[in-house]
Amino acid sequence: QLMVGPLWRGDASGEKPQCYLTPLGADEFLATNGGRRFLR
C-alpha cells in the first residue's frame, strides 16, 4: 500500500490546488503547499 507522508496542503486557494514536488537526492524533497510557500 501507499505510505502516508507529510501534509503538503497549506494556504491553498481554488477548487483544485496543485502540489509541485522537487527531489533533492535520495531522501529529501521540496513540496509546494498549493499557495505561495514551499517546504523542504
All heavy atoms as atom14 arrays in JSON, in Angstrom:
{
  "sequence": "QLMVGPLWRGDASGEKPQCYLTPLGADEFLATNGGRRFLR",
  "atom14_mask": [
    [1, 1, 1, 1, 1, 1, 1, 1, 1, 0, 0, 0, 0, 0],
    [1, 1, 1, 1, 1, 1, 1, 1, 0, 0, 0, 0, 0, 0],
    [1, 1, 1, 1, 1, 1, 1, 1, 0, 0, 0, 0, 0, 0],
    [1, 1, 1, 1, 1, 1, 1, 0, 0, 0, 0, 0, 0, 0],
    [1, 1, 1, 1, 0, 0, 0, 0, 0, 0, 0, 0, 0, 0],
    [1, 1, 1, 1, 1, 1, 1, 0, 0, 0, 0, 0, 0, 0],
    [1, 1, 1, 1, 1, 1, 1, 1, 0, 0, 0, 0, 0, 0],
    [1, 1, 1, 1, 1, 1, 1, 1, 1, 1, 1, 1, 1, 1],
    [1, 1, 1, 1, 1, 1, 1, 1, 1, 1, 1, 0, 0, 0],
    [1, 1, 1, 1, 0, 0, 0, 0, 0, 0, 0, 0, 0, 0],
    [1, 1, 1, 1, 1, 1, 1, 1, 0, 0, 0, 0, 0, 0],
    [1, 1, 1, 1, 1, 0, 0, 0, 0, 0, 0, 0, 0, 0],
    [1, 1, 1, 1, 1, 1, 0, 0, 0, 0, 0, 0, 0, 0],
    [1, 1, 1, 1, 0, 0, 0, 0, 0, 0, 0, 0, 0, 0],
    [1, 1, 1, 1, 1, 1, 1, 1, 1, 0, 0, 0, 0, 0],
    [1, 1, 1, 1, 1, 1, 1, 1, 1, 0, 0, 0, 0, 0],
    [1, 1, 1, 1, 1, 1, 1, 0, 0, 0, 0, 0, 0, 0],
    [1, 1, 1, 1, 1, 1, 1, 1, 1, 0, 0, 0, 0, 0],
    [1, 1, 1, 1, 1, 1, 0, 0, 0, 0, 0, 0, 0, 0],
    [1, 1, 1, 1, 1, 1, 1, 1, 1, 1, 1, 1, 0, 0],
    [1, 1, 1, 1, 1, 1, 1, 1, 0, 0, 0, 0, 0, 0],
    [1, 1, 1, 1, 1, 1, 1, 0, 0, 0, 0, 0, 0, 0],
    [1, 1, 1, 1, 1, 1, 1, 0, 0, 0, 0, 0, 0, 0],
    [1, 1, 1, 1, 1, 1, 1, 1, 0, 0, 0, 0, 0, 0],
    [1, 1, 1, 1, 0, 0, 0, 0, 0, 0, 0, 0, 0, 0],
    [1, 1, 1, 1, 1, 0, 0, 0, 0, 0, 0, 0, 0, 0],
    [1, 1, 1, 1, 1, 1, 1, 1, 0, 0, 0, 0, 0, 0],
    [1, 1, 1, 1, 1, 1, 1, 1, 1, 0, 0, 0, 0, 0],
    [1, 1, 1, 1, 1, 1, 1, 1, 1, 1, 1, 0, 0, 0],
    [1, 1, 1, 1, 1, 1, 1, 1, 0, 0, 0, 0, 0, 0],
    [1, 1, 1, 1, 1, 0, 0, 0, 0, 0, 0, 0, 0, 0],
    [1, 1, 1, 1, 1, 1, 1, 0, 0, 0, 0, 0, 0, 0],
    [1, 1, 1, 1, 1, 1, 1, 1, 0, 0, 0, 0, 0, 0],
    [1, 1, 1, 1, 0, 0, 0, 0, 0, 0, 0, 0, 0, 0],
    [1, 1, 1, 1, 0, 0, 0, 0, 0, 0, 0, 0, 0, 0],
    [1, 1, 1, 1, 1, 1, 1, 1, 1, 1, 1, 0, 0, 0],
    [1, 1, 1, 1, 1, 1, 1, 1, 1, 1, 1, 0, 0, 0],
    [1, 1, 1, 1, 1, 1, 1, 1, 1, 1, 1, 0, 0, 0],
    [1, 1, 1, 1, 1, 1, 1, 1, 0, 0, 0, 0, 0, 0],
    [1, 1, 1, 1, 1, 1, 1, 1, 1, 1, 1, 0, 0, 0]
  ],
  "atom14_positions": [
    [[0.84, -1.18, 0.0], [0.0, 0.0, 0.0], [0.88, 1.24, 0.0], [2.1, 1.16, 0.21], [-0.92, 0.02, 1.22], [-0.18, 0.06, 2.55], [-1.13, 0.01, 3.73], [-2.33, -0.16, 3.56], [-0.59, 0.15, 4.93], [0.0, 0.0, 0.0], [0.0, 0.0, 0.0], [0.0, 0.0, 0.0], [0.0, 0.0, 0.0], [0.0, 0.0, 0.0]],
    [[0.27, 2.39, -0.27], [1.0, 3.65, -0.24], [1.27, 4.06, 1.2], [0.4, 3.93, 2.07], [0.21, 4.75, -0.95], [-0.12, 4.52, -2.42], [-0.94, 5.7, -2.96], [1.14, 4.34, -3.25], [0.0, 0.0, 0.0], [0.0, 0.0, 0.0], [0.0, 0.0, 0.0], [0.0, 0.0, 0.0], [0.0, 0.0, 0.0], [0.0, 0.0, 0.0]],
    [[2.48, 4.54, 1.48], [2.84, 5.05, 2.8], [2.5, 6.54, 2.88], [2.91, 7.31, 2.01], [4.34, 4.85, 3.06], [4.81, 3.41, 2.98], [4.15, 2.37, 4.3], [2.93, 1.39, 3.39], [0.0, 0.0, 0.0], [0.0, 0.0, 0.0], [0.0, 0.0, 0.0], [0.0, 0.0, 0.0], [0.0, 0.0, 0.0], [0.0, 0.0, 0.0]],
    [[1.75, 6.92, 3.91], [1.35, 8.32, 4.03], [2.51, 9.14, 4.59], [3.2, 8.71, 5.52], [0.09, 8.47, 4.91], [0.34, 8.0, 6.32], [-0.42, 9.91, 4.89], [0.0, 0.0, 0.0], [0.0, 0.0, 0.0], [0.0, 0.0, 0.0], [0.0, 0.0, 0.0], [0.0, 0.0, 0.0], [0.0, 0.0, 0.0], [0.0, 0.0, 0.0]],
    [[2.71, 10.31, 4.01], [3.8, 11.18, 4.41], [3.32, 12.53, 4.89], [2.25, 12.62, 5.52], [0.0, 0.0, 0.0], [0.0, 0.0, 0.0], [0.0, 0.0, 0.0], [0.0, 0.0, 0.0], [0.0, 0.0, 0.0], [0.0, 0.0, 0.0], [0.0, 0.0, 0.0], [0.0, 0.0, 0.0], [0.0, 0.0, 0.0], [0.0, 0.0, 0.0]],
    [[4.06, 13.58, 4.6], [3.73, 14.9, 5.14], [2.49, 15.52, 4.51], [2.1, 15.19, 3.39], [4.97, 15.74, 4.83], [5.58, 15.08, 3.65], [5.32, 13.61, 3.83], [0.0, 0.0, 0.0], [0.0, 0.0, 0.0], [0.0, 0.0, 0.0], [0.0, 0.0, 0.0], [0.0, 0.0, 0.0], [0.0, 0.0, 0.0], [0.0, 0.0, 0.0]],
    [[1.86, 16.4, 5.26], [0.75, 17.2, 4.75], [1.32, 18.32, 3.89], [2.06, 19.16, 4.38], [-0.05, 17.79, 5.92], [-1.25, 18.67, 5.56], [-2.36, 17.83, 4.95], [-1.75, 19.41, 6.8], [0.0, 0.0, 0.0], [0.0, 0.0, 0.0], [0.0, 0.0, 0.0], [0.0, 0.0, 0.0], [0.0, 0.0, 0.0], [0.0, 0.0, 0.0]],
    [[0.98, 18.3, 2.6], [1.52, 19.34, 1.72], [0.62, 20.56, 1.68], [1.09, 21.68, 1.48], [1.73, 18.82, 0.3], [0.48, 18.4, -0.45], [-0.01, 17.14, -0.58], [-0.43, 19.24, -1.16], [-1.17, 17.13, -1.33], [-1.44, 18.41, -1.7], [-0.49, 20.61, -1.41], [-2.51, 18.91, -2.46], [-1.55, 21.12, -2.17], [-2.54, 20.27, -2.68]],
    [[-0.68, 20.36, 1.82], [-1.64, 21.44, 1.58], [-1.64, 22.45, 2.71], [-1.76, 22.09, 3.88], [-3.03, 20.86, 1.39], [-4.05, 21.9, 0.95], [-5.31, 21.22, 0.43], [-6.3, 22.22, 0.02], [-7.39, 21.93, -0.66], [-7.64, 20.67, -1.01], [-8.25, 22.87, -1.01], [0.0, 0.0, 0.0], [0.0, 0.0, 0.0], [0.0, 0.0, 0.0]],
    [[-1.48, 23.72, 2.35], [-1.47, 24.79, 3.33], [-2.48, 25.85, 2.98], [-3.69, 25.59, 2.95], [0.0, 0.0, 0.0], [0.0, 0.0, 0.0], [0.0, 0.0, 0.0], [0.0, 0.0, 0.0], [0.0, 0.0, 0.0], [0.0, 0.0, 0.0], [0.0, 0.0, 0.0], [0.0, 0.0, 0.0], [0.0, 0.0, 0.0], [0.0, 0.0, 0.0]],
    [[-2.0, 27.06, 2.66], [-2.9, 28.17, 2.36], [-3.35, 28.12, 0.91], [-3.29, 29.1, 0.18], [-2.22, 29.51, 2.66], [-0.93, 29.71, 1.87], [-0.42, 28.72, 1.31], [-0.45, 30.85, 1.83], [0.0, 0.0, 0.0], [0.0, 0.0, 0.0], [0.0, 0.0, 0.0], [0.0, 0.0, 0.0], [0.0, 0.0, 0.0], [0.0, 0.0, 0.0]],
    [[-3.82, 26.94, 0.49], [-4.22, 26.76, -0.9], [-5.56, 27.43, -1.16], [-6.45, 27.4, -0.32], [-4.31, 25.26, -1.23], [0.0, 0.0, 0.0], [0.0, 0.0, 0.0], [0.0, 0.0, 0.0], [0.0, 0.0, 0.0], [0.0, 0.0, 0.0], [0.0, 0.0, 0.0], [0.0, 0.0, 0.0], [0.0, 0.0, 0.0], [0.0, 0.0, 0.0]],
    [[-5.69, 28.01, -2.33], [-6.94, 28.62, -2.74], [-7.4, 27.96, -4.03], [-6.62, 27.35, -4.75], [-6.77, 30.13, -2.94], [-5.8, 30.39, -3.93], [0.0, 0.0, 0.0], [0.0, 0.0, 0.0], [0.0, 0.0, 0.0], [0.0, 0.0, 0.0], [0.0, 0.0, 0.0], [0.0, 0.0, 0.0], [0.0, 0.0, 0.0], [0.0, 0.0, 0.0]],
    [[-8.68, 28.08, -4.33], [-9.21, 27.46, -5.55], [-9.71, 26.06, -5.27], [-9.47, 25.47, -4.21], [0.0, 0.0, 0.0], [0.0, 0.0, 0.0], [0.0, 0.0, 0.0], [0.0, 0.0, 0.0], [0.0, 0.0, 0.0], [0.0, 0.0, 0.0], [0.0, 0.0, 0.0], [0.0, 0.0, 0.0], [0.0, 0.0, 0.0], [0.0, 0.0, 0.0]],
    [[-10.42, 25.5, -6.25], [-11.04, 24.2, -6.06], [-10.04, 23.06, -6.1], [-10.18, 22.08, -5.37], [-12.11, 23.99, -7.14], [-13.31, 24.93, -7.02], [-14.37, 24.61, -8.05], [-14.19, 23.63, -8.81], [-15.37, 25.34, -8.1], [0.0, 0.0, 0.0], [0.0, 0.0, 0.0], [0.0, 0.0, 0.0], [0.0, 0.0, 0.0], [0.0, 0.0, 0.0]],
    [[-9.04, 23.15, -6.97], [-8.09, 22.06, -7.12], [-6.66, 22.58, -7.06], [-5.99, 22.7, -8.09], [-8.33, 21.31, -8.43], [-9.62, 20.51, -8.46], [-9.71, 19.67, -9.72], [-10.94, 18.8, -9.72], [-11.03, 17.94, -10.93], [0.0, 0.0, 0.0], [0.0, 0.0, 0.0], [0.0, 0.0, 0.0], [0.0, 0.0, 0.0], [0.0, 0.0, 0.0]],
    [[-6.17, 22.94, -5.88], [-4.78, 23.4, -5.78], [-3.81, 22.3, -6.15], [-4.08, 21.11, -5.96], [-4.64, 23.79, -4.3], [-5.69, 22.99, -3.6], [-6.83, 22.89, -4.56], [0.0, 0.0, 0.0], [0.0, 0.0, 0.0], [0.0, 0.0, 0.0], [0.0, 0.0, 0.0], [0.0, 0.0, 0.0], [0.0, 0.0, 0.0], [0.0, 0.0, 0.0]],
    [[-2.68, 22.68, -6.7], [-1.66, 21.75, -7.15], [-0.49, 21.72, -6.18], [-0.11, 22.74, -5.62], [-1.16, 22.14, -8.55], [-2.2, 21.97, -9.65], [-2.43, 20.52, -10.0], [-1.53, 19.85, -10.49], [-3.63, 20.03, -9.74], [0.0, 0.0, 0.0], [0.0, 0.0, 0.0], [0.0, 0.0, 0.0], [0.0, 0.0, 0.0], [0.0, 0.0, 0.0]],
    [[0.08, 20.53, -6.02], [1.32, 20.37, -5.26], [2.44, 20.05, -6.24], [2.33, 19.09, -7.01], [1.18, 19.25, -4.24], [2.71, 18.86, -3.36], [0.0, 0.0, 0.0], [0.0, 0.0, 0.0], [0.0, 0.0, 0.0], [0.0, 0.0, 0.0], [0.0, 0.0, 0.0], [0.0, 0.0, 0.0], [0.0, 0.0, 0.0], [0.0, 0.0, 0.0]],
    [[3.5, 20.83, -6.21], [4.65, 20.6, -7.08], [5.8, 20.06, -6.23], [6.18, 20.67, -5.23], [5.07, 21.9, -7.77], [4.0, 22.48, -8.66], [3.27, 23.61, -8.27], [3.69, 21.9, -9.88], [2.28, 24.14, -9.07], [2.7, 22.42, -10.69], [1.99, 23.54, -10.29], [1.01, 24.06, -11.08], [0.0, 0.0, 0.0], [0.0, 0.0, 0.0]],
    [[6.33, 18.91, -6.64], [7.4, 18.25, -5.91], [8.72, 18.38, -6.66], [8.75, 18.34, -7.89], [7.08, 16.77, -5.71], [5.79, 16.42, -4.96], [5.59, 14.91, -4.95], [5.81, 16.98, -3.55], [0.0, 0.0, 0.0], [0.0, 0.0, 0.0], [0.0, 0.0, 0.0], [0.0, 0.0, 0.0], [0.0, 0.0, 0.0], [0.0, 0.0, 0.0]],
    [[9.82, 18.51, -5.92], [11.16, 18.55, -6.49], [12.06, 17.64, -5.66], [12.25, 17.9, -4.46], [11.75, 19.97, -6.47], [10.89, 20.86, -7.2], [13.13, 20.0, -7.11], [0.0, 0.0, 0.0], [0.0, 0.0, 0.0], [0.0, 0.0, 0.0], [0.0, 0.0, 0.0], [0.0, 0.0, 0.0], [0.0, 0.0, 0.0], [0.0, 0.0, 0.0]],
    [[12.63, 16.57, -6.23], [13.5, 15.69, -5.45], [14.84, 16.35, -5.15], [15.37, 17.13, -5.95], [13.68, 14.47, -6.35], [13.41, 14.97, -7.74], [12.43, 16.09, -7.61], [0.0, 0.0, 0.0], [0.0, 0.0, 0.0], [0.0, 0.0, 0.0], [0.0, 0.0, 0.0], [0.0, 0.0, 0.0], [0.0, 0.0, 0.0], [0.0, 0.0, 0.0]],
    [[15.38, 16.03, -3.97], [16.71, 16.51, -3.54], [17.5, 15.28, -3.08], [17.46, 14.92, -1.9], [16.61, 17.52, -2.41], [16.07, 18.91, -2.72], [15.9, 19.7, -1.43], [17.0, 19.65, -3.66], [0.0, 0.0, 0.0], [0.0, 0.0, 0.0], [0.0, 0.0, 0.0], [0.0, 0.0, 0.0], [0.0, 0.0, 0.0], [0.0, 0.0, 0.0]],
    [[18.19, 14.62, -3.98], [18.93, 13.43, -3.6], [18.0, 12.25, -3.39], [16.91, 12.17, -3.96], [0.0, 0.0, 0.0], [0.0, 0.0, 0.0], [0.0, 0.0, 0.0], [0.0, 0.0, 0.0], [0.0, 0.0, 0.0], [0.0, 0.0, 0.0], [0.0, 0.0, 0.0], [0.0, 0.0, 0.0], [0.0, 0.0, 0.0], [0.0, 0.0, 0.0]],
    [[18.39, 11.31, -2.5], [17.65, 10.07, -2.31], [16.61, 10.15, -1.2], [15.69, 9.34, -1.17], [18.62, 8.93, -2.01], [0.0, 0.0, 0.0], [0.0, 0.0, 0.0], [0.0, 0.0, 0.0], [0.0, 0.0, 0.0], [0.0, 0.0, 0.0], [0.0, 0.0, 0.0], [0.0, 0.0, 0.0], [0.0, 0.0, 0.0], [0.0, 0.0, 0.0]],
    [[16.73, 11.13, -0.29], [15.87, 11.14, 0.9], [15.14, 12.45, 1.13], [14.29, 12.52, 2.02], [16.7, 10.83, 2.15], [17.31, 9.44, 2.13], [16.65, 8.53, 1.62], [18.46, 9.3, 2.6], [0.0, 0.0, 0.0], [0.0, 0.0, 0.0], [0.0, 0.0, 0.0], [0.0, 0.0, 0.0], [0.0, 0.0, 0.0], [0.0, 0.0, 0.0]],
    [[15.44, 13.51, 0.4], [14.84, 14.81, 0.66], [14.12, 15.33, -0.58], [14.47, 14.98, -1.71], [15.88, 15.82, 1.12], [16.52, 15.47, 2.46], [17.4, 16.6, 2.99], [17.47, 17.66, 2.35], [18.02, 16.4, 4.05], [0.0, 0.0, 0.0], [0.0, 0.0, 0.0], [0.0, 0.0, 0.0], [0.0, 0.0, 0.0], [0.0, 0.0, 0.0]],
    [[13.14, 16.19, -0.35], [12.4, 16.79, -1.47], [11.78, 18.11, -1.03], [11.63, 18.39, 0.17], [11.32, 15.83, -1.98], [10.25, 15.48, -0.98], [9.04, 16.17, -0.96], [10.43, 14.46, -0.05], [8.04, 15.86, -0.05], [9.44, 14.13, 0.86], [8.24, 14.83, 0.86], [0.0, 0.0, 0.0], [0.0, 0.0, 0.0], [0.0, 0.0, 0.0]],
    [[11.44, 18.92, -2.02], [10.69, 20.15, -1.8], [9.25, 19.92, -2.22], [8.98, 19.21, -3.18], [11.27, 21.3, -2.63], [12.76, 21.62, -2.45], [13.18, 22.72, -3.44], [13.06, 22.05, -1.01], [0.0, 0.0, 0.0], [0.0, 0.0, 0.0], [0.0, 0.0, 0.0], [0.0, 0.0, 0.0], [0.0, 0.0, 0.0], [0.0, 0.0, 0.0]],
    [[8.32, 20.51, -1.47], [6.9, 20.4, -1.8], [6.25, 21.77, -1.63], [6.38, 22.4, -0.57], [6.21, 19.37, -0.9], [0.0, 0.0, 0.0], [0.0, 0.0, 0.0], [0.0, 0.0, 0.0], [0.0, 0.0, 0.0], [0.0, 0.0, 0.0], [0.0, 0.0, 0.0], [0.0, 0.0, 0.0], [0.0, 0.0, 0.0], [0.0, 0.0, 0.0]],
    [[5.55, 22.24, -2.67], [4.78, 23.47, -2.54], [3.49, 23.15, -1.78], [3.04, 22.0, -1.72], [4.44, 24.06, -3.91], [3.59, 23.15, -4.63], [5.71, 24.31, -4.72], [0.0, 0.0, 0.0], [0.0, 0.0, 0.0], [0.0, 0.0, 0.0], [0.0, 0.0, 0.0], [0.0, 0.0, 0.0], [0.0, 0.0, 0.0], [0.0, 0.0, 0.0]],
    [[2.88, 24.18, -1.19], [1.71, 23.94, -0.33], [0.4, 24.32, -1.0], [-0.61, 24.51, -0.33], [1.87, 24.69, 0.99], [1.7, 26.2, 0.84], [1.77, 26.73, -0.27], [1.48, 26.88, 1.94], [0.0, 0.0, 0.0], [0.0, 0.0, 0.0], [0.0, 0.0, 0.0], [0.0, 0.0, 0.0], [0.0, 0.0, 0.0], [0.0, 0.0, 0.0]],
    [[0.4, 24.44, -2.32], [-0.8, 24.84, -3.04], [-1.0, 26.33, -3.1], [-1.91, 26.82, -3.77], [0.0, 0.0, 0.0], [0.0, 0.0, 0.0], [0.0, 0.0, 0.0], [0.0, 0.0, 0.0], [0.0, 0.0, 0.0], [0.0, 0.0, 0.0], [0.0, 0.0, 0.0], [0.0, 0.0, 0.0], [0.0, 0.0, 0.0], [0.0, 0.0, 0.0]],
    [[-0.15, 27.06, -2.4], [-0.22, 28.51, -2.38], [1.12, 29.12, -2.68], [1.78, 28.78, -3.65], [0.0, 0.0, 0.0], [0.0, 0.0, 0.0], [0.0, 0.0, 0.0], [0.0, 0.0, 0.0], [0.0, 0.0, 0.0], [0.0, 0.0, 0.0], [0.0, 0.0, 0.0], [0.0, 0.0, 0.0], [0.0, 0.0, 0.0], [0.0, 0.0, 0.0]],
    [[1.59, 29.99, -1.81], [2.81, 30.76, -2.06], [4.06, 30.13, -1.47], [5.16, 30.59, -1.76], [2.65, 32.16, -1.48], [1.52, 32.97, -2.1], [1.35, 34.31, -1.42], [0.98, 34.15, -0.01], [0.87, 35.15, 0.85], [1.13, 36.39, 0.45], [0.51, 34.93, 2.11], [0.0, 0.0, 0.0], [0.0, 0.0, 0.0], [0.0, 0.0, 0.0]],
    [[3.92, 29.1, -0.64], [5.06, 28.59, 0.11], [5.52, 27.22, -0.4], [4.76, 26.48, -1.0], [4.7, 28.47, 1.59], [4.43, 29.8, 2.26], [4.08, 29.6, 3.73], [3.88, 30.89, 4.4], [3.56, 31.02, 5.67], [3.4, 29.94, 6.43], [3.39, 32.21, 6.2], [0.0, 0.0, 0.0], [0.0, 0.0, 0.0], [0.0, 0.0, 0.0]],
    [[6.79, 26.93, -0.12], [7.28, 25.57, -0.28], [8.18, 25.23, 0.9], [8.78, 26.11, 1.54], [8.01, 25.38, -1.62], [9.27, 26.17, -1.8], [10.51, 25.61, -1.5], [9.24, 27.45, -2.33], [11.69, 26.33, -1.68], [10.41, 28.18, -2.52], [11.64, 27.61, -2.2], [0.0, 0.0, 0.0], [0.0, 0.0, 0.0], [0.0, 0.0, 0.0]],
    [[8.22, 23.92, 1.21], [8.97, 23.42, 2.35], [9.92, 22.33, 1.9], [9.74, 21.72, 0.84], [8.05, 22.86, 3.44], [7.21, 23.87, 4.24], [5.95, 24.23, 3.49], [6.87, 23.31, 5.61], [0.0, 0.0, 0.0], [0.0, 0.0, 0.0], [0.0, 0.0, 0.0], [0.0, 0.0, 0.0], [0.0, 0.0, 0.0], [0.0, 0.0, 0.0]],
    [[10.93, 22.09, 2.73], [11.89, 21.02, 2.48], [11.64, 19.9, 3.48], [11.55, 20.12, 4.69], [13.32, 21.55, 2.63], [14.42, 20.55, 2.33], [15.77, 21.24, 2.37], [16.87, 20.34, 2.05], [18.14, 20.74, 1.92], [18.45, 22.02, 2.09], [19.08, 19.86, 1.61], [0.0, 0.0, 0.0], [0.0, 0.0, 0.0], [0.0, 0.0, 0.0]]
  ]
}
